[in-house]
Amino acid sequence: QLATELLCVRFLDAGCLITLVDESGVNPELVAQRNMDARLLEFLAGIKVGSRAVSASAAIYFNTQIVVDDISQHPDWRPYLILLRDIPLKACWAQPIRNRHGSVLGAIALFFSRRSYPAVEEAEFLDRVARLAGIALEQDSTRSVLQQSEQRYRELYHNNPAMFFSLDRDGIIRSVNQFGAEHLAYSPADLVGRDYSELIEEQSRSDLHEALRQALESPGRVQVFEARKQCADGRALWVRDSLRAMGTTQEKTEVLVVAEDITDIRELSDRLAYHAAHDSLTGLINRRKFEAELVNAIYEAGTLKMTHALCYLDLDLFKVIND
């Protein structure tokens, strides 16, 4: 829009437009215009980029400046004169817009109601404005790509089915992804600024502090520990935390934490351990577990001077039930 304003200030009696070419290289898209007749805009919208094109579409196709000082005498415009007979159009100048590699991005077109041919300084001015437009478009494209890349990163970060935290050296939460916060029944705002250890059961906090210390002492190495986390809704989850310190200086060091919910795995492991140590019929510990407990009791009695009692129960006819 700024480019069209510059041109209309320089060429007061002209209409001006800027079109960009789509990915197919055939369809021009109007992005800015000043002082343009609506009927002329409607006509130009149907002109595809090609060897028989006129105006901006011709400049895009041939990648060169196209100057028509009298359209009534120009062979490329002759097929359209009947369509344009009621429009006050006599001359058209068009200049391609290129990126720094020379590829065509679009074109600028000026339209005059009188016959007109550009002087040298006018042609140079048009070329300079086209160069500025090319720089602006390329920067806008780069910015758009960066924004899309950032948006993809944010979506991956927040929606990844894992809990991501970043901590400072003191274990204070700097950031947390959306999935991680919601999995613990919090919002990200509830967690940022809190001590990470507050989420962990008290008896396991020393393990966290040790893992955090080792991560800070050995940046780049991953420290892993498992603990139960308390959710805002009262649930408790078993979580495996992987910690890794990142940063070049102490002031900029942060600890990245990937927390994986292993509640189902721990519960399955606990069930398997229980069944391995208990009789399925009575629910009492089995012979292997009993012998292990007996060895431990004997050790505690002999070494720690603790007292234990052994009870023996004989159930009549239980063999019948067992069989």
Protein backbone atom coordinates (compact mmCIF):
# COMPACT_ATOMS: atom_id res chain seq x y z
CA GLN A 1 0.00 0.00 0.00
CA LEU A 2 2.89 2.36 0.75
CA ALA A 3 4.38 1.65 -2.68
CA THR A 4 1.11 2.60 -4.41
CA GLU A 5 0.96 5.81 -2.36
CA LEU A 6 4.52 6.71 -3.40
CA LEU A 7 3.67 6.16 -7.05
CA CYS A 8 0.46 8.15 -6.93
CA VAL A 9 2.28 11.06 -5.30
CA ARG A 10 4.86 10.97 -8.10
CA PHE A 11 2.31 10.36 -10.89
CA LEU A 12 -0.68 12.42 -9.82
CA ASP A 13 -2.87 11.67 -12.82
CA ALA A 14 -2.30 7.90 -12.84
CA GLY A 15 -4.03 4.94 -11.32
CA CYS A 16 -1.78 2.36 -9.71
CA LEU A 17 -1.99 -1.28 -8.64
CA ILE A 18 0.25 -4.05 -7.37
CA THR A 19 -0.40 -7.70 -8.07
CA LEU A 20 1.35 -10.81 -6.80
CA VAL A 21 1.51 -14.07 -8.70
CA ASP A 22 0.29 -17.27 -7.03
CA GLU A 23 2.25 -20.51 -6.74
CA SER A 24 1.02 -21.72 -10.11
CA GLY A 25 2.60 -18.67 -11.77
CA VAL A 26 -0.61 -18.05 -13.73
CA ASN A 27 -3.07 -16.20 -11.52
CA PRO A 28 -2.30 -12.62 -10.45
CA GLU A 29 -3.71 -11.46 -7.11
CA LEU A 30 -4.45 -7.79 -6.47
CA VAL A 31 -2.91 -6.69 -3.16
CA ALA A 32 -3.01 -2.88 -3.39
CA GLN A 33 -4.46 -0.17 -5.64
CA ARG A 34 -5.03 3.59 -5.76
CA ASN A 35 -7.21 5.70 -8.04
CA MET A 36 -8.25 2.70 -10.13
CA ASP A 37 -11.48 2.55 -12.14
CA ALA A 38 -13.59 -0.36 -10.85
CA ARG A 39 -14.37 -1.47 -14.41
CA LEU A 40 -10.66 -1.62 -15.24
CA LEU A 41 -9.96 -3.67 -12.10
CA GLU A 42 -12.68 -6.12 -13.12
CA PHE A 43 -11.15 -6.44 -16.59
CA LEU A 44 -7.59 -6.96 -15.27
CA ALA A 45 -8.77 -9.63 -12.82
CA GLY A 46 -9.46 -11.89 -15.80
CA ILE A 47 -6.03 -11.45 -17.42
CA LYS A 48 -3.87 -14.49 -16.71
CA VAL A 49 -0.08 -14.47 -16.77
CA GLY A 50 1.10 -15.61 -20.19
CA SER A 51 2.64 -14.64 -23.53
CA ARG A 52 -0.53 -12.82 -24.67
CA ALA A 53 -1.09 -11.01 -21.38
CA VAL A 54 -1.12 -7.23 -20.94
CA SER A 55 -0.33 -4.83 -18.10
CA ALA A 56 1.09 -6.35 -14.89
CA SER A 57 0.50 -9.93 -16.07
CA ALA A 58 2.74 -9.29 -19.11
CA ALA A 59 5.50 -7.82 -16.92
CA ILE A 60 5.31 -10.90 -14.69
CA TYR A 61 5.49 -13.32 -17.62
CA PHE A 62 8.34 -11.59 -19.49
CA ASN A 63 10.11 -10.45 -16.28
CA THR A 64 10.84 -7.04 -17.79
CA GLN A 65 9.41 -3.54 -17.86
CA ILE A 66 6.49 -3.22 -20.27
CA VAL A 67 5.65 0.29 -21.53
CA VAL A 68 2.64 0.94 -23.76
CA ASP A 69 2.34 4.67 -24.47
CA ASP A 70 -0.77 4.26 -26.64
CA ILE A 71 -2.86 1.15 -26.10
CA SER A 72 -5.06 1.89 -29.11
CA GLN A 73 -2.06 1.25 -31.36
CA HIS A 74 -0.51 -1.66 -29.49
CA PRO A 75 -1.13 -5.16 -30.92
CA ASP A 76 -1.30 -6.84 -27.48
CA TRP A 77 -4.11 -4.53 -26.38
CA ARG A 78 -6.06 -4.57 -29.65
CA PRO A 79 -8.21 -7.65 -28.74
CA TYR A 80 -9.46 -5.83 -25.65
CA LEU A 81 -10.23 -2.37 -27.08
CA ILE A 82 -13.95 -3.07 -27.42
CA LEU A 83 -14.15 -4.12 -23.78
CA LEU A 84 -12.28 -0.99 -22.73
CA ARG A 85 -14.05 1.52 -24.98
CA ASP A 86 -15.93 3.17 -22.09
CA ILE A 87 -12.89 3.33 -19.78
CA PRO A 88 -10.60 6.40 -19.99
CA LEU A 89 -7.40 4.45 -20.57
CA LYS A 90 -4.69 5.50 -23.00
CA ALA A 91 -1.35 4.25 -21.63
CA CYS A 92 0.02 1.57 -19.29
CA TRP A 93 3.44 1.06 -17.72
CA ALA A 94 4.25 -2.16 -15.86
CA GLN A 95 7.31 -3.12 -13.84
CA PRO A 96 8.03 -6.61 -12.42
CA ILE A 97 8.72 -7.01 -8.71
CA ARG A 98 11.60 -9.39 -8.01
CA ASN A 99 13.22 -10.90 -4.97
CA ARG A 100 16.96 -10.72 -4.37
CA HIS A 101 17.49 -13.82 -6.51
CA GLY A 102 15.74 -12.30 -9.51
CA SER A 103 12.60 -14.42 -9.28
CA VAL A 104 9.37 -12.58 -10.08
CA LEU A 105 7.00 -12.04 -7.17
CA GLY A 106 4.48 -9.78 -8.89
CA ALA A 107 4.29 -6.47 -10.71
CA ILE A 108 3.43 -2.78 -10.43
CA ALA A 109 1.23 -1.20 -13.11
CA LEU A 110 0.44 2.47 -13.81
CA PHE A 111 -2.55 3.51 -15.93
CA PHE A 112 -2.95 6.89 -17.62
CA SER A 113 -5.93 8.56 -19.26
CA ARG A 114 -3.55 10.20 -21.75
CA ARG A 115 -0.83 8.92 -24.02
CA SER A 116 2.34 8.80 -21.98
CA TYR A 117 5.88 7.50 -22.23
CA PRO A 118 8.17 7.51 -19.18
CA ALA A 119 11.16 9.83 -19.05
CA VAL A 120 14.41 8.27 -17.87
CA GLU A 121 13.98 9.50 -14.28
CA GLU A 122 10.37 8.25 -14.25
CA ALA A 123 11.43 4.79 -15.39
CA GLU A 124 14.18 4.77 -12.75
CA PHE A 125 11.72 5.84 -10.05
CA LEU A 126 9.33 3.05 -11.03
CA ASP A 127 12.22 0.57 -10.90
CA ARG A 128 13.28 1.79 -7.42
CA VAL A 129 9.76 1.47 -6.05
CA ALA A 130 9.55 -2.06 -7.48
CA ARG A 131 12.83 -2.93 -5.75
CA LEU A 132 11.53 -1.57 -2.44
CA ALA A 133 8.32 -3.54 -2.90
CA GLY A 134 10.37 -6.68 -3.58
CA ILE A 135 12.35 -6.19 -0.36
CA ALA A 136 9.16 -5.59 1.62
CA LEU A 137 7.44 -8.65 0.14
CA GLU A 138 10.46 -10.87 0.78
CA GLN A 139 10.71 -9.68 4.38
CA ASP A 140 6.99 -10.24 4.82
CA SER A 141 7.33 -13.75 3.38
CA THR A 142 10.25 -14.50 5.71
CA ARG A 143 8.30 -13.17 8.67
CA SER A 144 5.30 -15.28 7.68
CA VAL A 145 7.46 -18.42 7.44
CA LEU A 146 8.96 -17.70 10.86
CA GLN A 147 5.53 -17.12 12.35
CA GLN A 148 4.26 -20.38 10.87
CA SER A 149 7.33 -22.19 12.17
CA GLU A 150 6.82 -20.68 15.62
CA GLN A 151 3.16 -21.63 15.55
CA ARG A 152 4.03 -25.22 14.63
CA TYR A 153 6.57 -25.31 17.47
CA ARG A 154 4.01 -23.97 19.94
CA GLU A 155 1.44 -26.54 18.83
CA LEU A 156 3.99 -29.35 19.12
CA TYR A 157 5.13 -28.08 22.53
CA HIS A 158 1.70 -27.52 24.04
CA ASN A 159 -0.14 -30.48 22.50
CA ASN A 160 2.61 -33.10 22.68
CA PRO A 161 1.32 -35.99 24.83
CA ALA A 162 4.10 -35.53 27.38
CA MET A 163 4.62 -33.08 30.24
CA PHE A 164 7.33 -30.50 29.52
CA PHE A 165 8.73 -28.19 32.20
CA SER A 166 11.61 -25.74 32.27
CA LEU A 167 13.11 -24.94 35.68
CA ASP A 168 15.64 -22.41 36.88
CA ARG A 169 18.62 -23.44 38.98
CA ASP A 170 16.52 -23.33 42.14
CA GLY A 171 13.85 -25.64 40.75
CA ILE A 172 11.29 -22.88 40.13
CA ILE A 173 9.01 -23.55 37.16
CA ARG A 174 9.61 -21.11 34.29
CA SER A 175 7.29 -22.70 31.76
CA VAL A 176 5.07 -25.72 31.28
CA ASN A 177 3.22 -26.95 28.20
CA GLN A 178 -0.57 -26.96 28.03
CA PHE A 179 -0.86 -30.76 28.03
CA GLY A 180 1.42 -31.10 31.06
CA ALA A 181 -0.51 -28.57 33.11
CA GLU A 182 -3.90 -30.04 32.20
CA HIS A 183 -2.70 -33.59 32.88
CA LEU A 184 -2.02 -32.49 36.45
CA ALA A 185 -5.38 -30.64 36.58
CA TYR A 186 -3.74 -27.21 36.58
CA SER A 187 -3.48 -24.35 34.12
CA PRO A 188 -0.02 -23.20 33.02
CA ALA A 189 -0.50 -19.95 34.94
CA ASP A 190 -1.10 -21.95 38.15
CA LEU A 191 2.29 -23.64 37.85
CA VAL A 192 4.65 -20.98 36.52
CA GLY A 193 6.60 -19.50 39.43
CA ARG A 194 5.98 -22.44 41.78
CA ASP A 195 8.62 -24.72 43.23
CA TYR A 196 8.61 -27.90 41.15
CA SER A 197 9.18 -30.01 44.27
CA GLU A 198 5.74 -28.97 45.56
CA LEU A 199 4.21 -31.27 42.94
CA ILE A 200 6.09 -34.30 44.28
CA GLU A 201 5.27 -36.33 47.39
CA GLU A 202 7.36 -35.20 50.32
CA GLN A 203 9.24 -38.49 50.76
CA SER A 204 10.56 -38.26 47.17
CA ARG A 205 11.63 -34.62 47.15
CA SER A 206 15.18 -35.48 48.17
CA ASP A 207 15.45 -37.61 45.01
CA LEU A 208 14.40 -34.60 42.93
CA HIS A 209 16.92 -32.32 44.61
CA GLU A 210 19.68 -34.87 44.01
CA ALA A 211 18.71 -35.29 40.34
CA LEU A 212 18.58 -31.50 39.93
CA ARG A 213 22.02 -31.13 41.54
CA GLN A 214 23.55 -33.79 39.30
CA ALA A 215 21.93 -32.27 36.19
CA LEU A 216 23.44 -28.87 37.01
CA GLU A 217 26.85 -30.36 37.72
CA SER A 218 26.84 -32.34 34.45
CA PRO A 219 25.09 -30.22 31.79
CA GLY A 220 23.96 -32.26 28.82
CA ARG A 221 23.64 -35.50 30.78
CA VAL A 222 20.16 -36.82 31.49
CA GLN A 223 19.16 -37.60 35.08
CA VAL A 224 16.14 -39.84 35.62
CA PHE A 225 14.06 -40.55 38.70
CA GLU A 226 10.54 -41.75 39.45
CA ALA A 227 8.13 -40.29 41.98
CA ARG A 228 4.46 -39.71 42.66
CA LYS A 229 3.02 -36.32 41.73
CA GLN A 230 0.02 -34.76 43.40
CA CYS A 231 -2.63 -33.38 41.03
CA ALA A 232 -4.81 -30.39 41.77
CA ASP A 233 -7.90 -32.62 41.80
CA GLY A 234 -6.46 -34.94 44.46
CA ARG A 235 -5.23 -37.70 42.16
CA ALA A 236 -1.72 -39.08 42.51
CA LEU A 237 0.29 -40.08 39.44
CA TRP A 238 3.48 -42.03 39.13
CA VAL A 239 5.79 -40.03 36.88
CA ARG A 240 9.22 -40.68 35.41
CA ASP A 241 11.17 -37.40 35.18
CA SER A 242 14.11 -36.92 32.81
CA LEU A 243 16.16 -33.82 33.64
CA ARG A 244 18.80 -32.14 31.50
CA ALA A 245 20.53 -28.81 32.15
CA MET A 246 21.01 -26.45 29.21
CA GLY A 247 22.84 -23.14 28.93
CA THR A 248 26.28 -21.64 28.49
CA THR A 249 26.49 -19.65 31.74
CA GLN A 250 25.14 -20.11 35.22
CA GLU A 251 22.85 -17.11 34.82
CA LYS A 252 21.30 -18.55 31.66
CA THR A 253 21.19 -22.19 32.73
CA GLU A 254 17.79 -23.83 32.82
CA VAL A 255 16.78 -27.40 33.43
CA LEU A 256 14.49 -29.09 30.92
CA VAL A 257 12.20 -31.74 32.38
CA VAL A 258 10.25 -34.31 30.37
CA ALA A 259 7.76 -36.00 32.66
CA GLU A 260 6.12 -39.25 31.55
CA ASP A 261 3.02 -40.63 33.24
CA ILE A 262 3.89 -44.21 34.20
CA THR A 263 0.97 -44.78 36.56
CA ASP A 264 -0.42 -47.68 34.51
CA ILE A 265 3.02 -49.28 34.27
CA ARG A 266 3.66 -48.94 38.01
CA GLU A 267 0.23 -50.30 38.89
CA LEU A 268 0.79 -53.28 36.58
CA SER A 269 4.23 -53.82 38.08
CA ASP A 270 2.79 -53.66 41.59
CA ARG A 271 0.09 -56.16 40.67
CA LEU A 272 2.61 -58.54 39.18
CA ALA A 273 4.84 -58.20 42.24
CA TYR A 274 1.85 -58.85 44.52
CA HIS A 275 0.78 -61.95 42.62
CA ALA A 276 4.35 -63.22 42.61
CA ALA A 277 4.47 -62.99 46.41
CA HIS A 278 0.92 -63.98 47.44
CA ASP A 279 -1.31 -67.02 47.20
CA SER A 280 -4.13 -66.42 44.76
CA LEU A 281 -6.69 -68.36 46.85
CA THR A 282 -6.08 -66.99 50.34
CA GLY A 283 -4.38 -63.70 49.62
CA LEU A 284 -1.65 -64.62 52.11
CA ILE A 285 2.05 -64.42 51.27
CA ASN A 286 3.36 -67.54 49.55
CA ARG A 287 6.26 -69.78 50.58
CA ARG A 288 8.94 -67.74 48.76
CA LYS A 289 7.76 -64.48 50.32
CA PHE A 290 7.38 -66.13 53.71
CA GLU A 291 10.97 -67.41 53.62
CA ALA A 292 12.25 -63.98 52.60
CA GLU A 293 10.34 -62.34 55.47
CA LEU A 294 11.62 -65.02 57.86
CA VAL A 295 15.24 -64.41 56.85
CA ASN A 296 14.72 -60.69 57.37
CA ALA A 297 13.11 -61.26 60.80
CA ILE A 298 16.00 -63.46 61.91
CA TYR A 299 18.49 -60.81 60.78
CA GLU A 300 16.64 -58.06 62.65
CA ALA A 301 16.38 -60.21 65.78
CA GLY A 302 20.08 -61.10 65.74
CA THR A 303 21.57 -57.79 64.60
CA LEU A 304 19.09 -55.12 65.64
CA LYS A 305 17.79 -56.98 68.74
CA MET A 306 14.22 -56.64 67.51
CA THR A 307 11.48 -59.03 68.63
CA HIS A 308 9.20 -60.95 66.31
CA ALA A 309 6.42 -63.46 66.81
CA LEU A 310 5.69 -66.49 64.64
CA CYS A 311 2.12 -67.79 64.60
CA TYR A 312 1.22 -71.20 63.22
CA LEU A 313 -2.39 -71.91 62.26
CA ASP A 314 -3.74 -75.30 61.30
CA LEU A 315 -7.04 -75.21 59.40
CA ASP A 316 -8.93 -78.52 59.52
CA LEU A 317 -10.01 -79.87 56.14
CA PHE A 318 -8.51 -76.88 54.30
CA LYS A 319 -6.85 -79.30 51.87
CA VAL A 320 -10.31 -80.16 50.56
CA ILE A 321 -10.98 -76.50 49.77
CA ASN A 322 -7.50 -76.03 48.34
CA ASP A 323 -7.87 -79.08 46.09
